[in-house]
Amino acid sequence: MGSIDFEKLILEEIANSGHLNTYEFAKDLQQDHQLIVGAIKSIQSVGEIINTEQCQQENLVLTEEGVLIADKGSHEALLYNDIPSEGIKQADIKNLGPNASIGFSKAMSSGWLRIDKSAEGGPRVYKKVESIEDSVQQSLIKILNNEYKEMADAKIKELKKRKLVATQIIKSFTVTKGKDFSLSVKRLEADLTADLLLSGLWEELTFKPYNFDALGASLPSGHLHPLMKVRSQFRQIFLEMGFTEMPTNNFVESSFWNFDTLFQPQQHPARDAHDTFFLSDPAVSKLEEMPQSYIEAVKRTHEHGGYGSQGYQYD
């Protein structure tokens, strides 16, 4: 089976009747509503062939339980049919099915059953009428077939209360003729090619208007190195834990701050020239501005220990 030309069907319907509703049109074709909406938007992209106006309507739909009742019958009708002519003990009603209690309550309120409380062995349930009409099932079938427009509001309210039907909001479009209405859709050309220029065919074609506000294609750009990504993640974790960053604009640091205050031993390989860059000018750092007491504390801890450490025991 070939694909359906929805655009052609839509334009023919508008030409004949002057308008259409996308939801109703989809139901008539027995097709998905979104297929019709997609075809409408495709026609709109060409030009002002059609005009559209969004609208919404409320429809009644059956719930899962409602669909089951429309097929098999209401709980009260099924229970009524299961009551034998000799009646049944009221205590045994619950054994007639998972919805027997609901069915019994509804059947009693409808006047279909009676209870003989003086029966031997306890209260007994009998049929009160010879036949019944399952109006619940009939109403649900009408709703299923979309034939409920004249149904009484009280009946619909009752079905909603029993959660057999629900209200569904349907959003659709009303479509009418546009100023350039035509039964054929002529696609706009997107590109002015060299072949069109050489053949002169471009003079007979209609082109899409150029959008000067459109953003250009995004250019490929660099990305963070995986190690830099990990570094950024760790940095963010520490900041969220409450740590603050120290000034990082000192690109040259003294050995005192880089090694001694961190209590690295004098023979640590990180102090070697192959692991650390050393400057010849200045050859040494000036510590005169530092409190001598602090410098002495660092020296003393290195040599003799402190704060739980025995130090490096330098001679």
C-alpha atoms as a PDB file:
ATOM      1  CA  MET A   1       0.000   0.000   0.000  1.00  0.00           C
ATOM      2  CA  GLY A   2       1.431   3.368  -1.015  1.00  0.00           C
ATOM      3  CA  SER A   3       1.853   6.278   1.354  1.00  0.00           C
ATOM      4  CA  ILE A   4      -1.083   8.660   1.791  1.00  0.00           C
ATOM      5  CA  ASP A   5      -0.708  12.185   0.405  1.00  0.00           C
ATOM      6  CA  PHE A   6      -2.178  14.014   3.401  1.00  0.00           C
ATOM      7  CA  GLU A   7      -1.363  17.446   1.979  1.00  0.00           C
ATOM      8  CA  LYS A   8      -3.464  16.764  -1.119  1.00  0.00           C
ATOM      9  CA  LEU A   9      -6.379  15.415   0.942  1.00  0.00           C
ATOM     10  CA  ILE A  10      -6.272  18.447   3.251  1.00  0.00           C
ATOM     11  CA  LEU A  11      -6.279  20.963   0.394  1.00  0.00           C
ATOM     12  CA  GLU A  12      -9.108  19.147  -1.398  1.00  0.00           C
ATOM     13  CA  GLU A  13     -11.203  19.112   1.788  1.00  0.00           C
ATOM     14  CA  ILE A  14     -10.649  22.849   2.332  1.00  0.00           C
ATOM     15  CA  ALA A  15     -11.496  23.560  -1.318  1.00  0.00           C
ATOM     16  CA  ASN A  16     -14.778  21.635  -0.975  1.00  0.00           C
ATOM     17  CA  SER A  17     -15.956  22.687   2.486  1.00  0.00           C
ATOM     18  CA  GLY A  18     -13.986  25.876   3.104  1.00  0.00           C
ATOM     19  CA  HIS A  19     -12.438  24.650   6.363  1.00  0.00           C
ATOM     20  CA  LEU A  20     -11.534  21.594   8.409  1.00  0.00           C
ATOM     21  CA  ASN A  21     -10.649  20.617  11.944  1.00  0.00           C
ATOM     22  CA  THR A  22      -7.493  18.525  12.128  1.00  0.00           C
ATOM     23  CA  TYR A  23      -8.792  16.243  14.896  1.00  0.00           C
ATOM     24  CA  GLU A  24     -12.116  15.502  13.206  1.00  0.00           C
ATOM     25  CA  PHE A  25     -10.376  15.086   9.847  1.00  0.00           C
ATOM     26  CA  ALA A  26      -7.938  12.572  11.362  1.00  0.00           C
ATOM     27  CA  LYS A  27     -10.865  10.604  12.818  1.00  0.00           C
ATOM     28  CA  ASP A  28     -12.619  10.535   9.438  1.00  0.00           C
ATOM     29  CA  LEU A  29      -9.458   9.184   7.804  1.00  0.00           C
ATOM     30  CA  GLN A  30      -8.812   6.847  10.759  1.00  0.00           C
ATOM     31  CA  GLN A  31      -5.276   8.214  10.964  1.00  0.00           C
ATOM     32  CA  ASP A  32      -3.056   9.547  13.738  1.00  0.00           C
ATOM     33  CA  HIS A  33      -3.866  13.183  14.497  1.00  0.00           C
ATOM     34  CA  GLN A  34      -0.168  14.099  14.571  1.00  0.00           C
ATOM     35  CA  LEU A  35       0.214  13.003  10.944  1.00  0.00           C
ATOM     36  CA  ILE A  36      -2.425  15.540   9.927  1.00  0.00           C
ATOM     37  CA  VAL A  37      -0.814  18.265  12.056  1.00  0.00           C
ATOM     38  CA  GLY A  38       2.553  17.493  10.472  1.00  0.00           C
ATOM     39  CA  ALA A  39       1.081  17.839   6.984  1.00  0.00           C
ATOM     40  CA  ILE A  40      -0.498  21.168   7.972  1.00  0.00           C
ATOM     41  CA  LYS A  41       2.848  22.523   9.176  1.00  0.00           C
ATOM     42  CA  SER A  42       4.504  21.307   5.984  1.00  0.00           C
ATOM     43  CA  ILE A  43       1.990  23.275   3.893  1.00  0.00           C
ATOM     44  CA  GLN A  44       2.495  26.351   6.076  1.00  0.00           C
ATOM     45  CA  SER A  45       6.244  26.269   5.480  1.00  0.00           C
ATOM     46  CA  VAL A  46       5.669  26.962   1.776  1.00  0.00           C
ATOM     47  CA  GLY A  47       3.709  30.188   2.166  1.00  0.00           C
ATOM     48  CA  GLU A  48       0.269  31.565   2.948  1.00  0.00           C
ATOM     49  CA  ILE A  49      -1.652  28.758   1.285  1.00  0.00           C
ATOM     50  CA  ILE A  50      -3.694  28.099   4.425  1.00  0.00           C
ATOM     51  CA  ASN A  51      -4.574  29.867   7.650  1.00  0.00           C
ATOM     52  CA  THR A  52      -4.668  28.006  10.949  1.00  0.00           C
ATOM     53  CA  GLU A  53      -6.130  28.752  14.351  1.00  0.00           C
ATOM     54  CA  GLN A  54      -5.426  26.586  17.364  1.00  0.00           C
ATOM     55  CA  CYS A  55      -8.409  25.384  19.354  1.00  0.00           C
ATOM     56  CA  GLN A  56      -9.148  22.809  22.009  1.00  0.00           C
ATOM     57  CA  GLN A  57     -12.100  20.660  22.927  1.00  0.00           C
ATOM     58  CA  GLU A  58     -13.030  18.303  25.721  1.00  0.00           C
ATOM     59  CA  ASN A  59     -13.775  14.686  24.897  1.00  0.00           C
ATOM     60  CA  LEU A  60     -14.875  11.830  27.094  1.00  0.00           C
ATOM     61  CA  VAL A  61     -12.737   8.707  27.013  1.00  0.00           C
ATOM     62  CA  LEU A  62     -13.121   5.398  28.803  1.00  0.00           C
ATOM     63  CA  THR A  63     -10.744   4.414  31.555  1.00  0.00           C
ATOM     64  CA  GLU A  64      -9.244   0.929  31.626  1.00  0.00           C
ATOM     65  CA  GLU A  65     -12.090  -0.251  33.844  1.00  0.00           C
ATOM     66  CA  GLY A  66     -14.598   1.505  31.596  1.00  0.00           C
ATOM     67  CA  VAL A  67     -13.298  -0.331  28.521  1.00  0.00           C
ATOM     68  CA  LEU A  68     -13.660  -3.647  30.363  1.00  0.00           C
ATOM     69  CA  ILE A  69     -17.254  -2.873  31.382  1.00  0.00           C
ATOM     70  CA  ALA A  70     -18.168  -1.736  27.861  1.00  0.00           C
ATOM     71  CA  ASP A  71     -17.003  -5.144  26.637  1.00  0.00           C
ATOM     72  CA  LYS A  72     -18.204  -7.495  29.399  1.00  0.00           C
ATOM     73  CA  GLY A  73     -20.939  -5.591  31.235  1.00  0.00           C
ATOM     74  CA  SER A  74     -21.179  -3.621  34.472  1.00  0.00           C
ATOM     75  CA  HIS A  75     -20.255  -5.119  37.834  1.00  0.00           C
ATOM     76  CA  GLU A  76     -23.881  -4.992  38.990  1.00  0.00           C
ATOM     77  CA  ALA A  77     -25.193  -6.659  35.822  1.00  0.00           C
ATOM     78  CA  LEU A  78     -22.612  -9.440  36.026  1.00  0.00           C
ATOM     79  CA  LEU A  79     -23.459 -10.020  39.679  1.00  0.00           C
ATOM     80  CA  TYR A  80     -27.208 -10.077  38.946  1.00  0.00           C
ATOM     81  CA  ASN A  81     -26.682 -12.713  36.254  1.00  0.00           C
ATOM     82  CA  ASP A  82     -24.624 -14.841  38.681  1.00  0.00           C
ATOM     83  CA  ILE A  83     -27.383 -14.966  41.318  1.00  0.00           C
ATOM     84  CA  PRO A  84     -29.097 -18.392  41.021  1.00  0.00           C
ATOM     85  CA  SER A  85     -32.885 -18.689  41.095  1.00  0.00           C
ATOM     86  CA  GLU A  86     -32.763 -20.226  44.578  1.00  0.00           C
ATOM     87  CA  GLY A  87     -30.752 -17.252  45.809  1.00  0.00           C
ATOM     88  CA  ILE A  88     -27.379 -17.144  47.526  1.00  0.00           C
ATOM     89  CA  LYS A  89     -26.146 -16.478  51.036  1.00  0.00           C
ATOM     90  CA  GLN A  90     -25.204 -12.848  51.475  1.00  0.00           C
ATOM     91  CA  ALA A  91     -21.905 -13.958  53.004  1.00  0.00           C
ATOM     92  CA  ASP A  92     -21.065 -15.828  49.780  1.00  0.00           C
ATOM     93  CA  ILE A  93     -21.538 -12.780  47.527  1.00  0.00           C
ATOM     94  CA  LYS A  94     -17.844 -11.917  47.785  1.00  0.00           C
ATOM     95  CA  ASN A  95     -16.987 -15.257  46.162  1.00  0.00           C
ATOM     96  CA  LEU A  96     -18.693 -14.285  42.891  1.00  0.00           C
ATOM     97  CA  GLY A  97     -15.769 -12.202  41.642  1.00  0.00           C
ATOM     98  CA  PRO A  98     -13.245  -9.474  42.498  1.00  0.00           C
ATOM     99  CA  ASN A  99     -15.842  -6.727  41.932  1.00  0.00           C
ATOM    100  CA  ALA A 100     -18.745  -8.550  43.559  1.00  0.00           C
ATOM    101  CA  SER A 101     -18.964  -6.148  46.521  1.00  0.00           C
ATOM    102  CA  ILE A 102     -19.259  -3.110  44.223  1.00  0.00           C
ATOM    103  CA  GLY A 103     -21.726  -4.948  42.002  1.00  0.00           C
ATOM    104  CA  PHE A 104     -23.864  -5.967  44.976  1.00  0.00           C
ATOM    105  CA  SER A 105     -24.021  -2.388  46.275  1.00  0.00           C
ATOM    106  CA  LYS A 106     -25.002  -0.987  42.862  1.00  0.00           C
ATOM    107  CA  ALA A 107     -27.506  -3.780  42.169  1.00  0.00           C
ATOM    108  CA  MET A 108     -29.205  -3.172  45.516  1.00  0.00           C
ATOM    109  CA  SER A 109     -29.426   0.592  44.920  1.00  0.00           C
ATOM    110  CA  SER A 110     -30.904  -0.116  41.461  1.00  0.00           C
ATOM    111  CA  GLY A 111     -33.609  -2.312  43.006  1.00  0.00           C
ATOM    112  CA  TRP A 112     -32.505  -5.482  41.207  1.00  0.00           C
ATOM    113  CA  LEU A 113     -31.963  -7.608  44.336  1.00  0.00           C
ATOM    114  CA  ARG A 114     -33.621  -8.217  47.686  1.00  0.00           C
ATOM    115  CA  ILE A 115     -32.364  -9.665  50.971  1.00  0.00           C
ATOM    116  CA  ASP A 116     -34.305 -12.169  53.061  1.00  0.00           C
ATOM    117  CA  LYS A 117     -32.857 -11.680  56.536  1.00  0.00           C
ATOM    118  CA  SER A 118     -35.080 -14.398  58.042  1.00  0.00           C
ATOM    119  CA  ALA A 119     -33.821 -17.153  55.719  1.00  0.00           C
ATOM    120  CA  GLU A 120     -32.472 -20.325  57.275  1.00  0.00           C
ATOM    121  CA  GLY A 121     -28.697 -20.205  57.620  1.00  0.00           C
ATOM    122  CA  GLY A 122     -28.491 -16.422  57.569  1.00  0.00           C
ATOM    123  CA  PRO A 123     -29.489 -13.563  55.232  1.00  0.00           C
ATOM    124  CA  ARG A 124     -30.053 -14.691  51.652  1.00  0.00           C
ATOM    125  CA  VAL A 125     -29.997 -12.641  48.442  1.00  0.00           C
ATOM    126  CA  TYR A 126     -32.597 -13.163  45.686  1.00  0.00           C
ATOM    127  CA  LYS A 127     -33.342 -11.534  42.355  1.00  0.00           C
ATOM    128  CA  LYS A 128     -36.055  -8.931  42.783  1.00  0.00           C
ATOM    129  CA  VAL A 129     -36.800  -8.380  39.074  1.00  0.00           C
ATOM    130  CA  GLU A 130     -36.999 -10.857  36.218  1.00  0.00           C
ATOM    131  CA  SER A 131     -34.760  -8.908  33.825  1.00  0.00           C
ATOM    132  CA  ILE A 132     -32.504  -5.880  33.839  1.00  0.00           C
ATOM    133  CA  GLU A 133     -31.130  -3.330  31.409  1.00  0.00           C
ATOM    134  CA  ASP A 134     -27.430  -2.590  31.783  1.00  0.00           C
ATOM    135  CA  SER A 135     -27.587   1.178  31.249  1.00  0.00           C
ATOM    136  CA  VAL A 136     -23.984   1.611  32.434  1.00  0.00           C
ATOM    137  CA  GLN A 137     -22.638  -0.630  29.687  1.00  0.00           C
ATOM    138  CA  GLN A 138     -24.889   1.031  27.099  1.00  0.00           C
ATOM    139  CA  SER A 139     -23.697   4.507  28.128  1.00  0.00           C
ATOM    140  CA  LEU A 140     -20.051   3.483  27.956  1.00  0.00           C
ATOM    141  CA  ILE A 141     -20.547   2.023  24.476  1.00  0.00           C
ATOM    142  CA  LYS A 142     -22.062   5.339  23.342  1.00  0.00           C
ATOM    143  CA  ILE A 143     -19.059   7.229  24.722  1.00  0.00           C
ATOM    144  CA  LEU A 144     -16.713   4.758  23.053  1.00  0.00           C
ATOM    145  CA  ASN A 145     -18.445   5.429  19.719  1.00  0.00           C
ATOM    146  CA  ASN A 146     -18.519   9.206  20.335  1.00  0.00           C
ATOM    147  CA  GLU A 147     -22.332   9.197  20.449  1.00  0.00           C
ATOM    148  CA  TYR A 148     -22.787  10.803  23.847  1.00  0.00           C
ATOM    149  CA  LYS A 149     -23.602  14.417  22.901  1.00  0.00           C
ATOM    150  CA  GLU A 150     -27.228  14.063  24.059  1.00  0.00           C
ATOM    151  CA  MET A 151     -26.377  12.058  27.185  1.00  0.00           C
ATOM    152  CA  ALA A 152     -27.673  13.596  30.415  1.00  0.00           C
ATOM    153  CA  ASP A 153     -25.098  15.469  32.479  1.00  0.00           C
ATOM    154  CA  ALA A 154     -26.157  13.529  35.573  1.00  0.00           C
ATOM    155  CA  LYS A 155     -25.306  10.249  33.837  1.00  0.00           C
ATOM    156  CA  ILE A 156     -21.880  11.507  32.767  1.00  0.00           C
ATOM    157  CA  LYS A 157     -21.234  12.793  36.287  1.00  0.00           C
ATOM    158  CA  GLU A 158     -22.130   9.372  37.713  1.00  0.00           C
ATOM    159  CA  LEU A 159     -19.748   7.591  35.316  1.00  0.00           C
ATOM    160  CA  LYS A 160     -16.959  10.017  36.204  1.00  0.00           C
ATOM    161  CA  LYS A 161     -17.609   9.450  39.911  1.00  0.00           C
ATOM    162  CA  ARG A 162     -17.214   5.708  39.347  1.00  0.00           C
ATOM    163  CA  LYS A 163     -13.989   6.474  37.428  1.00  0.00           C
ATOM    164  CA  LEU A 164     -15.262   4.729  34.318  1.00  0.00           C
ATOM    165  CA  VAL A 165     -14.767   7.775  32.087  1.00  0.00           C
ATOM    166  CA  ALA A 166     -12.390  10.731  32.110  1.00  0.00           C
ATOM    167  CA  THR A 167     -12.172  14.077  30.359  1.00  0.00           C
ATOM    168  CA  GLN A 168      -9.496  14.397  27.692  1.00  0.00           C
ATOM    169  CA  ILE A 169      -8.364  17.786  26.353  1.00  0.00           C
ATOM    170  CA  ILE A 170      -7.852  17.625  22.588  1.00  0.00           C
ATOM    171  CA  LYS A 171      -5.757  20.386  21.010  1.00  0.00           C
ATOM    172  CA  SER A 172      -6.314  20.771  17.294  1.00  0.00           C
ATOM    173  CA  PHE A 173      -6.296  23.334  14.485  1.00  0.00           C
ATOM    174  CA  THR A 174      -9.058  24.901  12.440  1.00  0.00           C
ATOM    175  CA  VAL A 175      -7.737  25.306   8.905  1.00  0.00           C
ATOM    176  CA  THR A 176      -9.114  27.716   6.278  1.00  0.00           C
ATOM    177  CA  LYS A 177      -7.993  29.063   2.908  1.00  0.00           C
ATOM    178  CA  GLY A 178      -5.055  31.472   2.835  1.00  0.00           C
ATOM    179  CA  LYS A 179      -4.532  34.354   0.430  1.00  0.00           C
ATOM    180  CA  ASP A 180      -2.369  32.151  -1.832  1.00  0.00           C
ATOM    181  CA  PHE A 181      -4.598  29.075  -1.592  1.00  0.00           C
ATOM    182  CA  SER A 182      -3.974  26.449  -4.251  1.00  0.00           C
ATOM    183  CA  LEU A 183      -4.650  22.757  -4.670  1.00  0.00           C
ATOM    184  CA  SER A 184      -0.991  22.170  -5.434  1.00  0.00           C
ATOM    185  CA  VAL A 185       1.925  22.878  -3.130  1.00  0.00           C
ATOM    186  CA  LYS A 186       4.871  24.430  -4.908  1.00  0.00           C
ATOM    187  CA  ARG A 187       8.007  24.016  -2.850  1.00  0.00           C
ATOM    188  CA  LEU A 188      10.298  27.000  -2.417  1.00  0.00           C
ATOM    189  CA  GLU A 189      13.877  26.620  -3.547  1.00  0.00           C
ATOM    190  CA  ALA A 190      16.446  26.949  -0.803  1.00  0.00           C
ATOM    191  CA  ASP A 191      19.682  27.246  -2.810  1.00  0.00           C
ATOM    192  CA  LEU A 192      20.662  29.262  -5.855  1.00  0.00           C
ATOM    193  CA  THR A 193      23.011  26.850  -7.602  1.00  0.00           C
ATOM    194  CA  ALA A 194      25.353  27.305 -10.545  1.00  0.00           C
ATOM    195  CA  ASP A 195      23.178  24.997 -12.655  1.00  0.00           C
ATOM    196  CA  LEU A 196      20.109  27.178 -12.042  1.00  0.00           C
ATOM    197  CA  LEU A 197      22.042  30.278 -13.063  1.00  0.00           C
ATOM    198  CA  LEU A 198      23.477  28.728 -16.237  1.00  0.00           C
ATOM    199  CA  SER A 199      20.154  27.266 -17.362  1.00  0.00           C
ATOM    200  CA  GLY A 200      18.154  30.389 -16.529  1.00  0.00           C
ATOM    201  CA  LEU A 201      15.682  28.232 -14.622  1.00  0.00           C
ATOM    202  CA  TRP A 202      16.122  30.424 -11.541  1.00  0.00           C
ATOM    203  CA  GLU A 203      13.873  33.052 -13.160  1.00  0.00           C
ATOM    204  CA  GLU A 204      10.905  30.646 -13.028  1.00  0.00           C
ATOM    205  CA  LEU A 205      11.424  29.512  -9.442  1.00  0.00           C
ATOM    206  CA  THR A 206      10.363  30.973  -6.123  1.00  0.00           C
ATOM    207  CA  PHE A 207      13.042  31.044  -3.450  1.00  0.00           C
ATOM    208  CA  LYS A 208      12.792  31.029   0.298  1.00  0.00           C
ATOM    209  CA  PRO A 209      13.410  34.472   1.804  1.00  0.00           C
ATOM    210  CA  TYR A 210      16.944  34.852   3.094  1.00  0.00           C
ATOM    211  CA  ASN A 211      17.200  35.033   6.867  1.00  0.00           C
ATOM    212  CA  PHE A 212      19.955  37.500   7.697  1.00  0.00           C
ATOM    213  CA  ASP A 213      19.399  36.962  11.423  1.00  0.00           C
ATOM    214  CA  ALA A 214      20.128  33.238  11.287  1.00  0.00           C
ATOM    215  CA  LEU A 215      23.156  32.094  13.245  1.00  0.00           C
ATOM    216  CA  GLY A 216      26.020  30.651  11.267  1.00  0.00           C
ATOM    217  CA  ALA A 217      27.268  27.124  11.640  1.00  0.00           C
ATOM    218  CA  SER A 218      29.093  26.611  14.901  1.00  0.00           C
ATOM    219  CA  LEU A 219      32.844  26.320  14.481  1.00  0.00           C
ATOM    220  CA  PRO A 220      34.761  23.417  15.984  1.00  0.00           C
ATOM    221  CA  SER A 221      36.720  24.524  19.020  1.00  0.00           C
ATOM    222  CA  GLY A 222      39.261  23.093  21.399  1.00  0.00           C
ATOM    223  CA  HIS A 223      38.482  21.101  24.499  1.00  0.00           C
ATOM    224  CA  LEU A 224      39.930  20.820  27.962  1.00  0.00           C
ATOM    225  CA  HIS A 225      42.641  18.237  28.447  1.00  0.00           C
ATOM    226  CA  PRO A 226      41.381  15.318  30.583  1.00  0.00           C
ATOM    227  CA  LEU A 227      43.865  16.215  33.329  1.00  0.00           C
ATOM    228  CA  MET A 228      42.618  19.809  33.338  1.00  0.00           C
ATOM    229  CA  LYS A 229      39.054  18.522  33.641  1.00  0.00           C
ATOM    230  CA  VAL A 230      40.001  16.414  36.654  1.00  0.00           C
ATOM    231  CA  ARG A 231      41.874  19.357  38.167  1.00  0.00           C
ATOM    232  CA  SER A 232      38.815  21.591  37.753  1.00  0.00           C
ATOM    233  CA  GLN A 233      36.589  18.962  39.347  1.00  0.00           C
ATOM    234  CA  PHE A 234      38.877  18.580  42.363  1.00  0.00           C
ATOM    235  CA  ARG A 235      39.133  22.358  42.695  1.00  0.00           C
ATOM    236  CA  GLN A 236      35.342  22.671  42.728  1.00  0.00           C
ATOM    237  CA  ILE A 237      35.032  19.914  45.336  1.00  0.00           C
ATOM    238  CA  PHE A 238      37.470  21.645  47.691  1.00  0.00           C
ATOM    239  CA  LEU A 239      35.755  25.015  47.207  1.00  0.00           C
ATOM    240  CA  GLU A 240      32.381  23.449  48.061  1.00  0.00           C
ATOM    241  CA  MET A 241      33.951  21.945  51.196  1.00  0.00           C
ATOM    242  CA  GLY A 242      34.866  25.435  52.383  1.00  0.00           C
ATOM    243  CA  PHE A 243      38.494  25.727  51.310  1.00  0.00           C
ATOM    244  CA  THR A 244      39.715  28.991  49.796  1.00  0.00           C
ATOM    245  CA  GLU A 245      42.339  29.501  47.135  1.00  0.00           C
ATOM    246  CA  MET A 246      45.705  31.050  47.935  1.00  0.00           C
ATOM    247  CA  PRO A 247      47.120  33.731  45.623  1.00  0.00           C
ATOM    248  CA  THR A 248      48.633  31.988  42.614  1.00  0.00           C
ATOM    249  CA  ASN A 249      50.353  34.953  40.997  1.00  0.00           C
ATOM    250  CA  ASN A 250      53.777  34.114  42.489  1.00  0.00           C
ATOM    251  CA  PHE A 251      55.341  32.317  39.574  1.00  0.00           C
ATOM    252  CA  VAL A 252      58.737  32.222  41.354  1.00  0.00           C
ATOM    253  CA  GLU A 253      58.835  31.036  44.948  1.00  0.00           C
ATOM    254  CA  SER A 254      61.674  30.703  47.444  1.00  0.00           C
ATOM    255  CA  SER A 255      62.952  27.336  48.644  1.00  0.00           C
ATOM    256  CA  PHE A 256      61.954  28.379  52.138  1.00  0.00           C
ATOM    257  CA  TRP A 257      58.258  28.503  51.271  1.00  0.00           C
ATOM    258  CA  ASN A 258      58.352  25.758  48.664  1.00  0.00           C
ATOM    259  CA  PHE A 259      60.275  23.158  50.697  1.00  0.00           C
ATOM    260  CA  ASP A 260      61.328  24.187  54.204  1.00  0.00           C
ATOM    261  CA  THR A 261      57.930  25.268  55.524  1.00  0.00           C
ATOM    262  CA  LEU A 262      56.483  22.065  54.085  1.00  0.00           C
ATOM    263  CA  PHE A 263      59.095  20.178  56.114  1.00  0.00           C
ATOM    264  CA  GLN A 264      60.617  18.359  53.186  1.00  0.00           C
ATOM    265  CA  PRO A 265      64.029  16.927  54.133  1.00  0.00           C
ATOM    266  CA  GLN A 266      67.126  18.561  52.692  1.00  0.00           C
ATOM    267  CA  GLN A 267      67.991  15.457  50.677  1.00  0.00           C
ATOM    268  CA  HIS A 268      64.510  15.087  49.164  1.00  0.00           C
ATOM    269  CA  PRO A 269      64.784  14.470  45.366  1.00  0.00           C
ATOM    270  CA  ALA A 270      62.250  17.243  44.670  1.00  0.00           C
ATOM    271  CA  ARG A 271      64.956  19.722  45.707  1.00  0.00           C
ATOM    272  CA  ASP A 272      67.289  18.486  42.948  1.00  0.00           C
ATOM    273  CA  ALA A 273      67.896  20.533  39.825  1.00  0.00           C
ATOM    274  CA  HIS A 274      66.313  17.919  37.577  1.00  0.00           C
ATOM    275  CA  ASP A 275      62.963  18.288  39.408  1.00  0.00           C
ATOM    276  CA  THR A 276      62.930  22.009  40.174  1.00  0.00           C
ATOM    277  CA  PHE A 277      63.952  25.051  38.165  1.00  0.00           C
ATOM    278  CA  PHE A 278      66.356  27.293  40.090  1.00  0.00           C
ATOM    279  CA  LEU A 279      67.219  30.902  39.235  1.00  0.00           C
ATOM    280  CA  SER A 280      70.732  32.301  39.233  1.00  0.00           C
ATOM    281  CA  ASP A 281      69.487  35.856  39.670  1.00  0.00           C
ATOM    282  CA  PRO A 282      68.624  36.263  42.447  1.00  0.00           C
ATOM    283  CA  ALA A 283      70.561  33.305  43.759  1.00  0.00           C
ATOM    284  CA  VAL A 284      69.024  33.508  47.232  1.00  0.00           C
ATOM    285  CA  SER A 285      65.779  34.885  48.617  1.00  0.00           C
ATOM    286  CA  LYS A 286      65.469  37.630  51.181  1.00  0.00           C
ATOM    287  CA  LEU A 287      63.821  36.586  54.415  1.00  0.00           C
ATOM    288  CA  GLU A 288      64.513  39.783  56.344  1.00  0.00           C
ATOM    289  CA  GLU A 289      60.851  40.746  56.135  1.00  0.00           C
ATOM    290  CA  MET A 290      59.805  37.494  57.819  1.00  0.00           C
ATOM    291  CA  PRO A 291      59.618  37.284  61.622  1.00  0.00           C
ATOM    292  CA  GLN A 292      62.838  35.664  62.835  1.00  0.00           C
ATOM    293  CA  SER A 293      60.866  33.701  65.402  1.00  0.00           C
ATOM    294  CA  TYR A 294      58.983  31.926  62.608  1.00  0.00           C
ATOM    295  CA  ILE A 295      62.186  31.140  60.706  1.00  0.00           C
ATOM    296  CA  GLU A 296      63.758  29.763  63.887  1.00  0.00           C
ATOM    297  CA  ALA A 297      60.657  27.634  64.563  1.00  0.00           C
ATOM    298  CA  VAL A 298      60.886  26.060  61.103  1.00  0.00           C
ATOM    299  CA  LYS A 299      64.629  25.433  61.557  1.00  0.00           C
ATOM    300  CA  ARG A 300      64.152  23.934  65.016  1.00  0.00           C
ATOM    301  CA  THR A 301      61.389  21.597  63.842  1.00  0.00           C
ATOM    302  CA  HIS A 302      63.543  20.394  60.948  1.00  0.00           C
ATOM    303  CA  GLU A 303      66.519  19.671  63.182  1.00  0.00           C
ATOM    304  CA  HIS A 304      64.990  18.505  66.457  1.00  0.00           C
ATOM    305  CA  GLY A 305      61.308  17.929  65.709  1.00  0.00           C
ATOM    306  CA  GLY A 306      58.201  19.148  67.467  1.00  0.00           C
ATOM    307  CA  TYR A 307      54.425  18.869  67.343  1.00  0.00           C
ATOM    308  CA  GLY A 308      54.707  15.085  67.628  1.00  0.00           C
ATOM    309  CA  SER A 309      57.653  14.778  65.190  1.00  0.00           C
ATOM    310  CA  GLN A 310      61.260  13.915  66.026  1.00  0.00           C
ATOM    311  CA  GLY A 311      62.601  15.988  63.129  1.00  0.00           C
ATOM    312  CA  TYR A 312      65.372  14.945  60.779  1.00  0.00           C
ATOM    313  CA  GLN A 313      68.126  15.062  63.445  1.00  0.00           C
ATOM    314  CA  TYR A 314      70.534  17.099  61.352  1.00  0.00           C
ATOM    315  CA  ASP A 315      74.079  17.392  62.708  1.00  0.00           C
END
